[in-house]
C-alpha atoms as a PDB file:
ATOM      1  CA  UNK A   1       0.007   0.005  -0.006  1.00  0.00           C
ATOM      2  CA  UNK A   2       2.825   2.404   0.894  1.00  0.00           C
ATOM      3  CA  UNK A   3       4.649   1.530  -2.337  1.00  0.00           C
ATOM      4  CA  UNK A   4       1.513   2.218  -4.423  1.00  0.00           C
ATOM      5  CA  UNK A   5       1.021   5.512  -2.602  1.00  0.00           C
ATOM      6  CA  UNK A   6       4.602   6.551  -3.370  1.00  0.00           C
ATOM      7  CA  UNK A   7       4.312   5.558  -7.054  1.00  0.00           C
ATOM      8  CA  UNK A   8       1.026   7.452  -7.405  1.00  0.00           C
ATOM      9  CA  UNK A   9       2.648  10.590  -5.966  1.00  0.00           C
ATOM     10  CA  UNK A  10       5.700  10.295  -8.226  1.00  0.00           C
ATOM     11  CA  UNK A  11       3.531   9.761 -11.293  1.00  0.00           C
ATOM     12  CA  UNK A  12       1.243  12.738 -10.701  1.00  0.00           C
ATOM     13  CA  UNK A  13       3.488  15.120  -8.707  1.00  0.00           C
ATOM     14  CA  UNK A  14       7.063  13.972  -9.282  1.00  0.00           C
ATOM     15  CA  UNK A  15       9.738  16.223 -10.763  1.00  0.00           C
ATOM     16  CA  UNK A  16       9.125  15.155 -14.356  1.00  0.00           C
ATOM     17  CA  UNK A  17       5.350  15.569 -13.997  1.00  0.00           C
ATOM     18  CA  UNK A  18       5.799  18.988 -12.359  1.00  0.00           C
ATOM     19  CA  UNK A  19       8.038  20.144 -15.195  1.00  0.00           C
ATOM     20  CA  UNK A  20       5.447  19.081 -17.795  1.00  0.00           C
ATOM     21  CA  UNK A  21       2.566  20.735 -15.939  1.00  0.00           C
ATOM     22  CA  UNK A  22       4.602  23.922 -15.426  1.00  0.00           C
ATOM     23  CA  UNK A  23       5.253  24.269 -19.155  1.00  0.00           C
ATOM     24  CA  UNK A  24       1.644  23.346 -19.948  1.00  0.00           C
ATOM     25  CA  UNK A  25       0.399  26.041 -17.544  1.00  0.00           C
ATOM     26  CA  UNK A  26       2.603  28.666 -19.213  1.00  0.00           C
ATOM     27  CA  UNK A  27       1.411  27.693 -22.681  1.00  0.00           C
ATOM     28  CA  UNK A  28      -2.225  27.712 -21.604  1.00  0.00           C
ATOM     29  CA  UNK A  29      -1.744  31.092 -19.888  1.00  0.00           C
ATOM     30  CA  UNK A  30      -0.340  32.612 -23.079  1.00  0.00           C
ATOM     31  CA  UNK A  31      -3.081  31.076 -25.234  1.00  0.00           C
ATOM     32  CA  UNK A  32      -5.778  32.144 -22.782  1.00  0.00           C
ATOM     33  CA  UNK A  33      -4.358  35.685 -22.718  1.00  0.00           C
ATOM     34  CA  UNK A  34      -4.566  36.053 -26.509  1.00  0.00           C
ATOM     35  CA  UNK A  35      -8.035  34.484 -26.654  1.00  0.00           C
ATOM     36  CA  UNK A  36      -9.215  36.949 -24.005  1.00  0.00           C
ATOM     37  CA  UNK A  37      -7.701  39.842 -25.963  1.00  0.00           C
ATOM     38  CA  UNK A  38      -9.466  38.629 -29.091  1.00  0.00           C
ATOM     39  CA  UNK A  39     -12.793  38.470 -27.238  1.00  0.00           C
ATOM     40  CA  UNK A  40     -12.266  42.007 -25.898  1.00  0.00           C
ATOM     41  CA  UNK A  41     -11.450  43.318 -29.393  1.00  0.00           C
ATOM     42  CA  UNK A  42     -14.511  41.626 -30.907  1.00  0.00           C
ATOM     43  CA  UNK A  43     -16.703  43.000 -28.112  1.00  0.00           C
ATOM     44  CA  UNK A  44     -15.232  46.486 -28.483  1.00  0.00           C
ATOM     45  CA  UNK A  45     -15.867  46.491 -32.220  1.00  0.00           C
ATOM     46  CA  UNK A  46     -19.406  45.134 -31.613  1.00  0.00           C
ATOM     47  CA  UNK A  47     -18.754  41.981 -33.605  1.00  0.00           C
ATOM     48  CA  UNK A  48     -19.949  39.881 -30.673  1.00  0.00           C
ATOM     49  CA  UNK A  49     -22.404  40.587 -27.889  1.00  0.00           C
ATOM     50  CA  UNK A  50     -21.735  39.602 -24.299  1.00  0.00           C
ATOM     51  CA  UNK A  51     -24.486  40.388 -21.815  1.00  0.00           C
ATOM     52  CA  UNK A  52     -24.996  39.817 -18.126  1.00  0.00           C
ATOM     53  CA  UNK A  53     -22.371  39.804 -15.405  1.00  0.00           C
ATOM     54  CA  UNK A  54     -19.825  38.114 -17.709  1.00  0.00           C
ATOM     55  CA  UNK A  55     -19.508  41.394 -19.636  1.00  0.00           C
ATOM     56  CA  UNK A  56     -17.232  42.706 -16.861  1.00  0.00           C
ATOM     57  CA  UNK A  57     -14.488  40.476 -18.312  1.00  0.00           C
ATOM     58  CA  UNK A  58     -14.392  42.423 -21.588  1.00  0.00           C
ATOM     59  CA  UNK A  59     -15.013  45.972 -20.460  1.00  0.00           C
ATOM     60  CA  UNK A  60     -11.325  46.887 -20.434  1.00  0.00           C
ATOM     61  CA  UNK A  61      -8.087  45.525 -21.952  1.00  0.00           C
ATOM     62  CA  UNK A  62      -6.821  45.180 -18.378  1.00  0.00           C
ATOM     63  CA  UNK A  63      -9.528  42.582 -17.841  1.00  0.00           C
ATOM     64  CA  UNK A  64      -7.685  40.275 -20.259  1.00  0.00           C
ATOM     65  CA  UNK A  65      -5.063  39.709 -17.548  1.00  0.00           C
ATOM     66  CA  UNK A  66      -7.678  37.830 -15.508  1.00  0.00           C
ATOM     67  CA  UNK A  67      -7.429  34.691 -17.630  1.00  0.00           C
ATOM     68  CA  UNK A  68      -3.637  34.098 -17.517  1.00  0.00           C
ATOM     69  CA  UNK A  69      -3.550  34.924 -13.781  1.00  0.00           C
ATOM     70  CA  UNK A  70      -6.343  32.401 -13.187  1.00  0.00           C
ATOM     71  CA  UNK A  71      -4.389  29.687 -15.010  1.00  0.00           C
ATOM     72  CA  UNK A  72      -1.251  30.512 -13.031  1.00  0.00           C
ATOM     73  CA  UNK A  73      -3.297  30.327  -9.841  1.00  0.00           C
ATOM     74  CA  UNK A  74      -4.433  26.826 -10.778  1.00  0.00           C
ATOM     75  CA  UNK A  75      -0.780  25.855 -11.269  1.00  0.00           C
ATOM     76  CA  UNK A  76       0.079  27.344  -7.853  1.00  0.00           C
ATOM     77  CA  UNK A  77      -2.652  25.180  -6.275  1.00  0.00           C
ATOM     78  CA  UNK A  78      -0.997  22.149  -7.864  1.00  0.00           C
ATOM     79  CA  UNK A  79       2.327  23.289  -6.454  1.00  0.00           C
ATOM     80  CA  UNK A  80       0.762  23.681  -3.011  1.00  0.00           C
ATOM     81  CA  UNK A  81      -0.492  20.101  -3.086  1.00  0.00           C
ATOM     82  CA  UNK A  82       3.021  18.934  -4.083  1.00  0.00           C
ATOM     83  CA  UNK A  83       4.507  20.566  -0.980  1.00  0.00           C
ATOM     84  CA  UNK A  84       2.163  18.842   1.476  1.00  0.00           C
ATOM     85  CA  UNK A  85       4.614  15.947   2.108  1.00  0.00           C
ATOM     86  CA  UNK A  86       7.525  18.376   2.675  1.00  0.00           C
ATOM     87  CA  UNK A  87       6.536  20.339   5.742  1.00  0.00           C
ATOM     88  CA  UNK A  88       3.785  22.436   7.250  1.00  0.00           C
ATOM     89  CA  UNK A  89       5.774  25.633   6.725  1.00  0.00           C
ATOM     90  CA  UNK A  90       6.416  24.897   3.027  1.00  0.00           C
ATOM     91  CA  UNK A  91       2.732  24.208   2.454  1.00  0.00           C
ATOM     92  CA  UNK A  92       1.714  27.378   4.266  1.00  0.00           C
ATOM     93  CA  UNK A  93       4.246  29.353   2.243  1.00  0.00           C
ATOM     94  CA  UNK A  94       2.491  28.208  -0.947  1.00  0.00           C
ATOM     95  CA  UNK A  95      -0.824  29.248   0.571  1.00  0.00           C
ATOM     96  CA  UNK A  96       0.521  32.799   0.960  1.00  0.00           C
ATOM     97  CA  UNK A  97       1.677  32.748  -2.662  1.00  0.00           C
ATOM     98  CA  UNK A  98      -1.842  31.829  -3.743  1.00  0.00           C
ATOM     99  CA  UNK A  99      -3.337  34.520  -1.504  1.00  0.00           C
ATOM    100  CA  UNK A 100      -0.886  37.042  -2.987  1.00  0.00           C
ATOM    101  CA  UNK A 101      -1.893  36.155  -6.541  1.00  0.00           C
ATOM    102  CA  UNK A 102      -5.570  36.309  -5.615  1.00  0.00           C
ATOM    103  CA  UNK A 103      -5.120  39.842  -4.317  1.00  0.00           C
ATOM    104  CA  UNK A 104      -3.070  40.844  -7.418  1.00  0.00           C
ATOM    105  CA  UNK A 105      -5.789  39.472  -9.674  1.00  0.00           C
ATOM    106  CA  UNK A 106      -8.393  41.497  -7.780  1.00  0.00           C
ATOM    107  CA  UNK A 107      -6.217  44.616  -8.038  1.00  0.00           C
ATOM    108  CA  UNK A 108      -5.871  44.219 -11.817  1.00  0.00           C
ATOM    109  CA  UNK A 109      -9.603  43.698 -12.149  1.00  0.00           C
ATOM    110  CA  UNK A 110     -10.320  46.754 -10.001  1.00  0.00           C
ATOM    111  CA  UNK A 111      -7.930  48.958 -12.004  1.00  0.00           C
ATOM    112  CA  UNK A 112     -10.224  48.567 -14.977  1.00  0.00           C
ATOM    113  CA  UNK A 113     -13.116  49.874 -12.884  1.00  0.00           C
ATOM    114  CA  UNK A 114     -11.498  52.795 -11.020  1.00  0.00           C
ATOM    115  CA  UNK A 115     -13.319  56.075 -11.570  1.00  0.00           C
ATOM    116  CA  UNK A 116     -11.315  59.274 -12.016  1.00  0.00           C
ATOM    117  CA  UNK A 117     -11.679  61.913  -9.326  1.00  0.00           C
ATOM    118  CA  UNK A 118     -10.971  65.647  -9.443  1.00  0.00           C
ATOM    119  CA  UNK A 119      -8.488  67.556  -7.336  1.00  0.00           C
ATOM    120  CA  UNK A 120      -7.403  66.018  -4.031  1.00  0.00           C
ATOM    121  CA  UNK A 121     -10.523  63.978  -3.589  1.00  0.00           C
ATOM    122  CA  UNK A 122      -9.923  60.215  -3.313  1.00  0.00           C
ATOM    123  CA  UNK A 123     -12.745  58.109  -4.641  1.00  0.00           C
ATOM    124  CA  UNK A 124     -13.913  55.041  -2.735  1.00  0.00           C
ATOM    125  CA  UNK A 125     -12.602  52.772  -5.521  1.00  0.00           C
ATOM    126  CA  UNK A 126      -9.133  54.332  -5.322  1.00  0.00           C
ATOM    127  CA  UNK A 127      -9.146  54.167  -1.525  1.00  0.00           C
ATOM    128  CA  UNK A 128      -9.946  50.461  -1.569  1.00  0.00           C
ATOM    129  CA  UNK A 129      -7.302  49.955  -4.246  1.00  0.00           C
ATOM    130  CA  UNK A 130      -4.718  51.396  -1.854  1.00  0.00           C
ATOM    131  CA  UNK A 131      -5.855  49.004   0.857  1.00  0.00           C
ATOM    132  CA  UNK A 132      -5.548  46.063  -1.570  1.00  0.00           C
ATOM    133  CA  UNK A 133      -2.020  47.110  -2.519  1.00  0.00           C
ATOM    134  CA  UNK A 134      -1.056  47.309   1.161  1.00  0.00           C
ATOM    135  CA  UNK A 135      -2.400  43.783   1.724  1.00  0.00           C
ATOM    136  CA  UNK A 136      -0.482  42.638  -1.350  1.00  0.00           C
ATOM    137  CA  UNK A 137       2.789  43.994   0.052  1.00  0.00           C
ATOM    138  CA  UNK A 138       2.262  42.178   3.360  1.00  0.00           C
ATOM    139  CA  UNK A 139       1.446  38.884   1.626  1.00  0.00           C
ATOM    140  CA  UNK A 140       4.347  39.286  -0.792  1.00  0.00           C
ATOM    141  CA  UNK A 141       6.773  39.885   2.076  1.00  0.00           C
ATOM    142  CA  UNK A 142       5.394  36.822   3.847  1.00  0.00           C
ATOM    143  CA  UNK A 143       5.743  34.653   0.744  1.00  0.00           C
ATOM    144  CA  UNK A 144       9.333  35.798   0.097  1.00  0.00           C
ATOM    145  CA  UNK A 145      10.253  35.246   3.744  1.00  0.00           C
ATOM    146  CA  UNK A 146       8.937  31.681   3.628  1.00  0.00           C
ATOM    147  CA  UNK A 147      10.830  31.074   0.391  1.00  0.00           C
ATOM    148  CA  UNK A 148      14.128  32.352   1.824  1.00  0.00           C
ATOM    149  CA  UNK A 149      13.825  30.294   4.964  1.00  0.00           C
ATOM    150  CA  UNK A 150      12.792  27.140   3.067  1.00  0.00           C
ATOM    151  CA  UNK A 151      15.653  27.474   0.561  1.00  0.00           C
ATOM    152  CA  UNK A 152      18.260  28.114   3.282  1.00  0.00           C
ATOM    153  CA  UNK A 153      17.187  25.230   5.509  1.00  0.00           C
ATOM    154  CA  UNK A 154      19.110  22.007   5.063  1.00  0.00           C
ATOM    155  CA  UNK A 155      17.306  18.690   5.074  1.00  0.00           C
ATOM    156  CA  UNK A 156      18.980  15.615   6.440  1.00  0.00           C
ATOM    157  CA  UNK A 157      19.378  12.767   3.975  1.00  0.00           C
ATOM    158  CA  UNK A 158      18.911  10.155   6.674  1.00  0.00           C
ATOM    159  CA  UNK A 159      15.463   9.934   8.181  1.00  0.00           C
ATOM    160  CA  UNK A 160      14.188   7.891  11.069  1.00  0.00           C
ATOM    161  CA  UNK A 161      11.629   5.231  10.356  1.00  0.00           C
ATOM    162  CA  UNK A 162       8.786   7.172  11.955  1.00  0.00           C
ATOM    163  CA  UNK A 163       9.604  10.178   9.773  1.00  0.00           C
ATOM    164  CA  UNK A 164       9.371   7.986   6.655  1.00  0.00           C
ATOM    165  CA  UNK A 165       5.967   6.679   7.738  1.00  0.00           C
ATOM    166  CA  UNK A 166       4.755  10.203   8.459  1.00  0.00           C
ATOM    167  CA  UNK A 167       5.901  11.462   5.053  1.00  0.00           C
ATOM    168  CA  UNK A 168       4.138   8.558   3.334  1.00  0.00           C
ATOM    169  CA  UNK A 169       0.957   9.456   5.244  1.00  0.00           C
ATOM    170  CA  UNK A 170       1.245  13.028   3.966  1.00  0.00           C
ATOM    171  CA  UNK A 171       1.809  11.755   0.431  1.00  0.00           C
ATOM    172  CA  UNK A 172      -1.474   9.852   0.741  1.00  0.00           C
ATOM    173  CA  UNK A 173      -3.210  13.067   1.804  1.00  0.00           C
ATOM    174  CA  UNK A 174      -1.589  14.904  -1.129  1.00  0.00           C
ATOM    175  CA  UNK A 175      -2.860  12.255  -3.558  1.00  0.00           C
ATOM    176  CA  UNK A 176      -6.367  12.610  -2.150  1.00  0.00           C
ATOM    177  CA  UNK A 177      -6.147  16.435  -2.346  1.00  0.00           C
ATOM    178  CA  UNK A 178      -5.098  16.200  -5.993  1.00  0.00           C
ATOM    179  CA  UNK A 179      -8.258  14.248  -6.791  1.00  0.00           C
ATOM    180  CA  UNK A 180     -10.324  16.805  -4.842  1.00  0.00           C
ATOM    181  CA  UNK A 181      -8.590  19.604  -6.761  1.00  0.00           C
ATOM    182  CA  UNK A 182      -9.349  18.078 -10.166  1.00  0.00           C
ATOM    183  CA  UNK A 183     -13.003  17.375  -9.342  1.00  0.00           C
ATOM    184  CA  UNK A 184     -13.577  20.817  -7.839  1.00  0.00           C
ATOM    185  CA  UNK A 185     -11.843  22.635 -10.711  1.00  0.00           C
ATOM    186  CA  UNK A 186     -13.962  20.807 -13.284  1.00  0.00           C
ATOM    187  CA  UNK A 187     -17.169  21.406 -11.291  1.00  0.00           C
ATOM    188  CA  UNK A 188     -16.405  25.120 -10.731  1.00  0.00           C
ATOM    189  CA  UNK A 189     -15.737  25.677 -14.462  1.00  0.00           C
ATOM    190  CA  UNK A 190     -18.892  23.744 -15.400  1.00  0.00           C
ATOM    191  CA  UNK A 191     -21.111  25.740 -13.041  1.00  0.00           C
ATOM    192  CA  UNK A 192     -19.536  29.038 -14.171  1.00  0.00           C
ATOM    193  CA  UNK A 193     -20.231  28.239 -17.847  1.00  0.00           C
ATOM    194  CA  UNK A 194     -23.808  27.387 -16.914  1.00  0.00           C
ATOM    195  CA  UNK A 195     -24.085  30.688 -15.037  1.00  0.00           C
ATOM    196  CA  UNK A 196     -22.838  32.590 -18.110  1.00  0.00           C
ATOM    197  CA  UNK A 197     -25.507  30.964 -20.241  1.00  0.00           C
ATOM    198  CA  UNK A 198     -28.143  32.088 -17.717  1.00  0.00           C
ATOM    199  CA  UNK A 199     -26.991  35.705 -17.812  1.00  0.00           C
ATOM    200  CA  UNK A 200     -24.653  35.524 -14.829  1.00  0.00           C
ATOM    201  CA  UNK A 201     -20.986  34.663 -14.972  1.00  0.00           C
ATOM    202  CA  UNK A 202     -19.590  37.084 -12.427  1.00  0.00           C
ATOM    203  CA  UNK A 203     -16.018  36.219 -11.472  1.00  0.00           C
ATOM    204  CA  UNK A 204     -14.512  36.450  -7.994  1.00  0.00           C
ATOM    205  CA  UNK A 205     -11.981  34.687  -5.799  1.00  0.00           C
ATOM    206  CA  UNK A 206     -14.834  32.752  -4.164  1.00  0.00           C
ATOM    207  CA  UNK A 207     -15.130  30.535  -7.239  1.00  0.00           C
ATOM    208  CA  UNK A 208     -13.212  27.288  -6.571  1.00  0.00           C
ATOM    209  CA  UNK A 209     -10.881  28.740  -3.933  1.00  0.00           C
ATOM    210  CA  UNK A 210     -13.440  29.005  -1.147  1.00  0.00           C
ATOM    211  CA  UNK A 211     -14.296  25.299  -1.342  1.00  0.00           C
ATOM    212  CA  UNK A 212     -10.700  24.258  -1.982  1.00  0.00           C
ATOM    213  CA  UNK A 213      -9.436  26.023   1.129  1.00  0.00           C
ATOM    214  CA  UNK A 214     -12.197  24.337   3.109  1.00  0.00           C
ATOM    215  CA  UNK A 215     -10.805  20.949   2.094  1.00  0.00           C
ATOM    216  CA  UNK A 216      -7.268  22.226   2.631  1.00  0.00           C
ATOM    217  CA  UNK A 217      -8.105  23.120   6.240  1.00  0.00           C
ATOM    218  CA  UNK A 218      -9.450  19.602   6.778  1.00  0.00           C
ATOM    219  CA  UNK A 219      -6.237  18.159   5.298  1.00  0.00           C
ATOM    220  CA  UNK A 220      -4.108  20.408   7.535  1.00  0.00           C
ATOM    221  CA  UNK A 221      -6.022  19.344  10.636  1.00  0.00           C
ATOM    222  CA  UNK A 222      -5.624  15.684   9.650  1.00  0.00           C
ATOM    223  CA  UNK A 223      -1.865  16.157   9.228  1.00  0.00           C
ATOM    224  CA  UNK A 224      -1.739  17.956  12.543  1.00  0.00           C
ATOM    225  CA  UNK A 225      -3.428  15.050  14.298  1.00  0.00           C
ATOM    226  CA  UNK A 226      -1.211  12.478  12.611  1.00  0.00           C
ATOM    227  CA  UNK A 227       1.930  14.444  13.480  1.00  0.00           C
ATOM    228  CA  UNK A 228       0.979  14.347  17.153  1.00  0.00           C
ATOM    229  CA  UNK A 229       1.262  10.551  16.949  1.00  0.00           C
ATOM    230  CA  UNK A 230       4.983  10.952  16.168  1.00  0.00           C
ATOM    231  CA  UNK A 231       5.854  14.217  17.937  1.00  0.00           C
ATOM    232  CA  UNK A 232       4.274  15.143  21.271  1.00  0.00           C
ATOM    233  CA  UNK A 233       6.310  18.237  22.148  1.00  0.00           C
ATOM    234  CA  UNK A 234       4.206  21.371  22.593  1.00  0.00           C
ATOM    235  CA  UNK A 235       6.414  23.479  20.327  1.00  0.00           C
ATOM    236  CA  UNK A 236       5.610  21.607  17.129  1.00  0.00           C
ATOM    237  CA  UNK A 237       1.956  21.305  18.094  1.00  0.00           C
ATOM    238  CA  UNK A 238       1.645  25.050  18.789  1.00  0.00           C
ATOM    239  CA  UNK A 239       3.520  25.999  15.597  1.00  0.00           C
ATOM    240  CA  UNK A 240       1.424  23.790  13.331  1.00  0.00           C
ATOM    241  CA  UNK A 241      -1.799  24.818  15.055  1.00  0.00           C
ATOM    242  CA  UNK A 242      -0.832  28.441  14.326  1.00  0.00           C
ATOM    243  CA  UNK A 243      -0.311  27.549  10.683  1.00  0.00           C
ATOM    244  CA  UNK A 244      -3.770  25.938  10.556  1.00  0.00           C
ATOM    245  CA  UNK A 245      -5.225  29.109  12.108  1.00  0.00           C
ATOM    246  CA  UNK A 246      -3.519  31.164   9.414  1.00  0.00           C
ATOM    247  CA  UNK A 247      -5.077  28.959   6.736  1.00  0.00           C
ATOM    248  CA  UNK A 248      -8.512  29.403   8.325  1.00  0.00           C
ATOM    249  CA  UNK A 249      -8.061  33.180   8.248  1.00  0.00           C
ATOM    250  CA  UNK A 250      -7.158  33.039   4.539  1.00  0.00           C
ATOM    251  CA  UNK A 251     -10.280  31.017   3.886  1.00  0.00           C
ATOM    252  CA  UNK A 252     -12.446  33.554   5.737  1.00  0.00           C
ATOM    253  CA  UNK A 253     -10.732  36.359   3.839  1.00  0.00           C
ATOM    254  CA  UNK A 254     -11.611  34.681   0.535  1.00  0.00           C
ATOM    255  CA  UNK A 255     -15.273  34.573   1.511  1.00  0.00           C
ATOM    256  CA  UNK A 256     -15.287  38.198   2.781  1.00  0.00           C
ATOM    257  CA  UNK A 257     -15.680  41.382   0.774  1.00  0.00           C
ATOM    258  CA  UNK A 258     -14.408  44.920   0.930  1.00  0.00           C
ATOM    259  CA  UNK A 259     -11.879  46.165   3.435  1.00  0.00           C
ATOM    260  CA  UNK A 260     -12.634  43.274   5.801  1.00  0.00           C
ATOM    261  CA  UNK A 261     -11.166  40.783   3.343  1.00  0.00           C
ATOM    262  CA  UNK A 262      -7.943  42.798   2.963  1.00  0.00           C
ATOM    263  CA  UNK A 263      -7.623  43.127   6.755  1.00  0.00           C
ATOM    264  CA  UNK A 264      -7.962  39.356   7.088  1.00  0.00           C
ATOM    265  CA  UNK A 265      -5.426  38.666   4.333  1.00  0.00           C
ATOM    266  CA  UNK A 266      -3.010  41.052   6.056  1.00  0.00           C
ATOM    267  CA  UNK A 267      -3.692  39.422   9.434  1.00  0.00           C
ATOM    268  CA  UNK A 268      -2.932  35.951   8.020  1.00  0.00           C
ATOM    269  CA  UNK A 269       0.399  37.225   6.667  1.00  0.00           C
ATOM    270  CA  UNK A 270       1.383  38.897   9.918  1.00  0.00           C
ATOM    271  CA  UNK A 271       0.450  35.785  11.874  1.00  0.00           C
ATOM    272  CA  UNK A 272       2.504  33.583   9.586  1.00  0.00           C
ATOM    273  CA  UNK A 273       5.564  35.835   9.910  1.00  0.00           C
ATOM    274  CA  UNK A 274       5.226  35.961  13.703  1.00  0.00           C
ATOM    275  CA  UNK A 275       5.032  32.172  13.966  1.00  0.00           C
ATOM    276  CA  UNK A 276       7.947  31.714  11.601  1.00  0.00           C
ATOM    277  CA  UNK A 277      10.111  34.195  13.503  1.00  0.00           C
ATOM    278  CA  UNK A 278       9.316  32.534  16.817  1.00  0.00           C
ATOM    279  CA  UNK A 279      10.411  29.086  15.683  1.00  0.00           C
ATOM    280  CA  UNK A 280      13.177  29.928  13.218  1.00  0.00           C
ATOM    281  CA  UNK A 281      15.788  30.364  15.952  1.00  0.00           C
ATOM    282  CA  UNK A 282      15.393  26.735  17.010  1.00  0.00           C
ATOM    283  CA  UNK A 283      16.759  24.979  13.925  1.00  0.00           C
ATOM    284  CA  UNK A 284      17.276  21.752  15.798  1.00  0.00           C
ATOM    285  CA  UNK A 285      13.540  21.056  15.648  1.00  0.00           C
ATOM    286  CA  UNK A 286      12.352  18.717  12.921  1.00  0.00           C
ATOM    287  CA  UNK A 287      10.381  20.712  10.367  1.00  0.00           C
ATOM    288  CA  UNK A 288       7.180  18.776   9.870  1.00  0.00           C
END
C-alpha cells in the first residue's frame, strides 16, 4: 500500500510531472491571454455581444489579464499540493503565494473599474485599491520570507523510520487532495459556464478557492493530528496549530468582501511571519 502511494505521488506530482505541468500552464496562460484579448477586441468592435455579469471580463483591456492569472493560480494550487509531504511551513508558504496572486488578480480587475476623481478627492474605488495594494505587500513579504527560509534550511538525507511513515501518510493526503482539486476545478468551471448561459458569470476569488481552502483546512487538521502521533512536544503542536489558524483566516478572507477581506489577508500574513520568526531560531527542531 505504501509503495503504491509513493508511485502514485511520483507519477502525478514527481519532478518530471511537475516540469510538464509547469510548461503546460505557461502555454495555456499565453493562449488564454490572446483568446481573451481577441474576445475584448470583438466585443469592443461590436462583432460579438456579451451580456450579463460576464461582460465585466471584456469591459477593459486590463480585464484580459484575468485569464492568464487564473491559469497561473491553478498551477500554484498544484504546487501547493506537491509541498504537502515536505513540511507544514512549506505548504503554508505556498498558501501565501496563492493569496498574494488572488489579491493581485483582484487589483488588476479593480484597475479597470476605477473612476477618475478631481483635485485632491480620493474616490472610494481608489481608496480600496490602496488597501488592496497594502495587503499585497504584506502577503508578498510573507511569501518571500517563507521562500528564503525554506531554501536556506538543510534537510537531512537520513530519516528515522517514523519520519518515513509520516511522510508517506502526507503523500497519501496529497494524492487525495489532488483528486479533490481536479473534481472541484472541473465542477467550478462547469457551473460558471452554466451561469454565463443564464446571464450571470460574475467572477470572484470565491469561485473554486473558497471550497478548496475548506478541504485544505481539513487536510491540515488531519496532518496535525497524525503528526501528534509521532511528535508530542508542545512546540511543534503550537507552531502547526498556528499555521492551521492562518489557513482558516485566509479561507475567511476569501469569503469576505471589501476592506474586511484585505484586513484578514493582512492578518494571516502577519500571523505567519510571527510564527515563523518565533520558531526559526530553534533549527534543531524537525520541520514537519
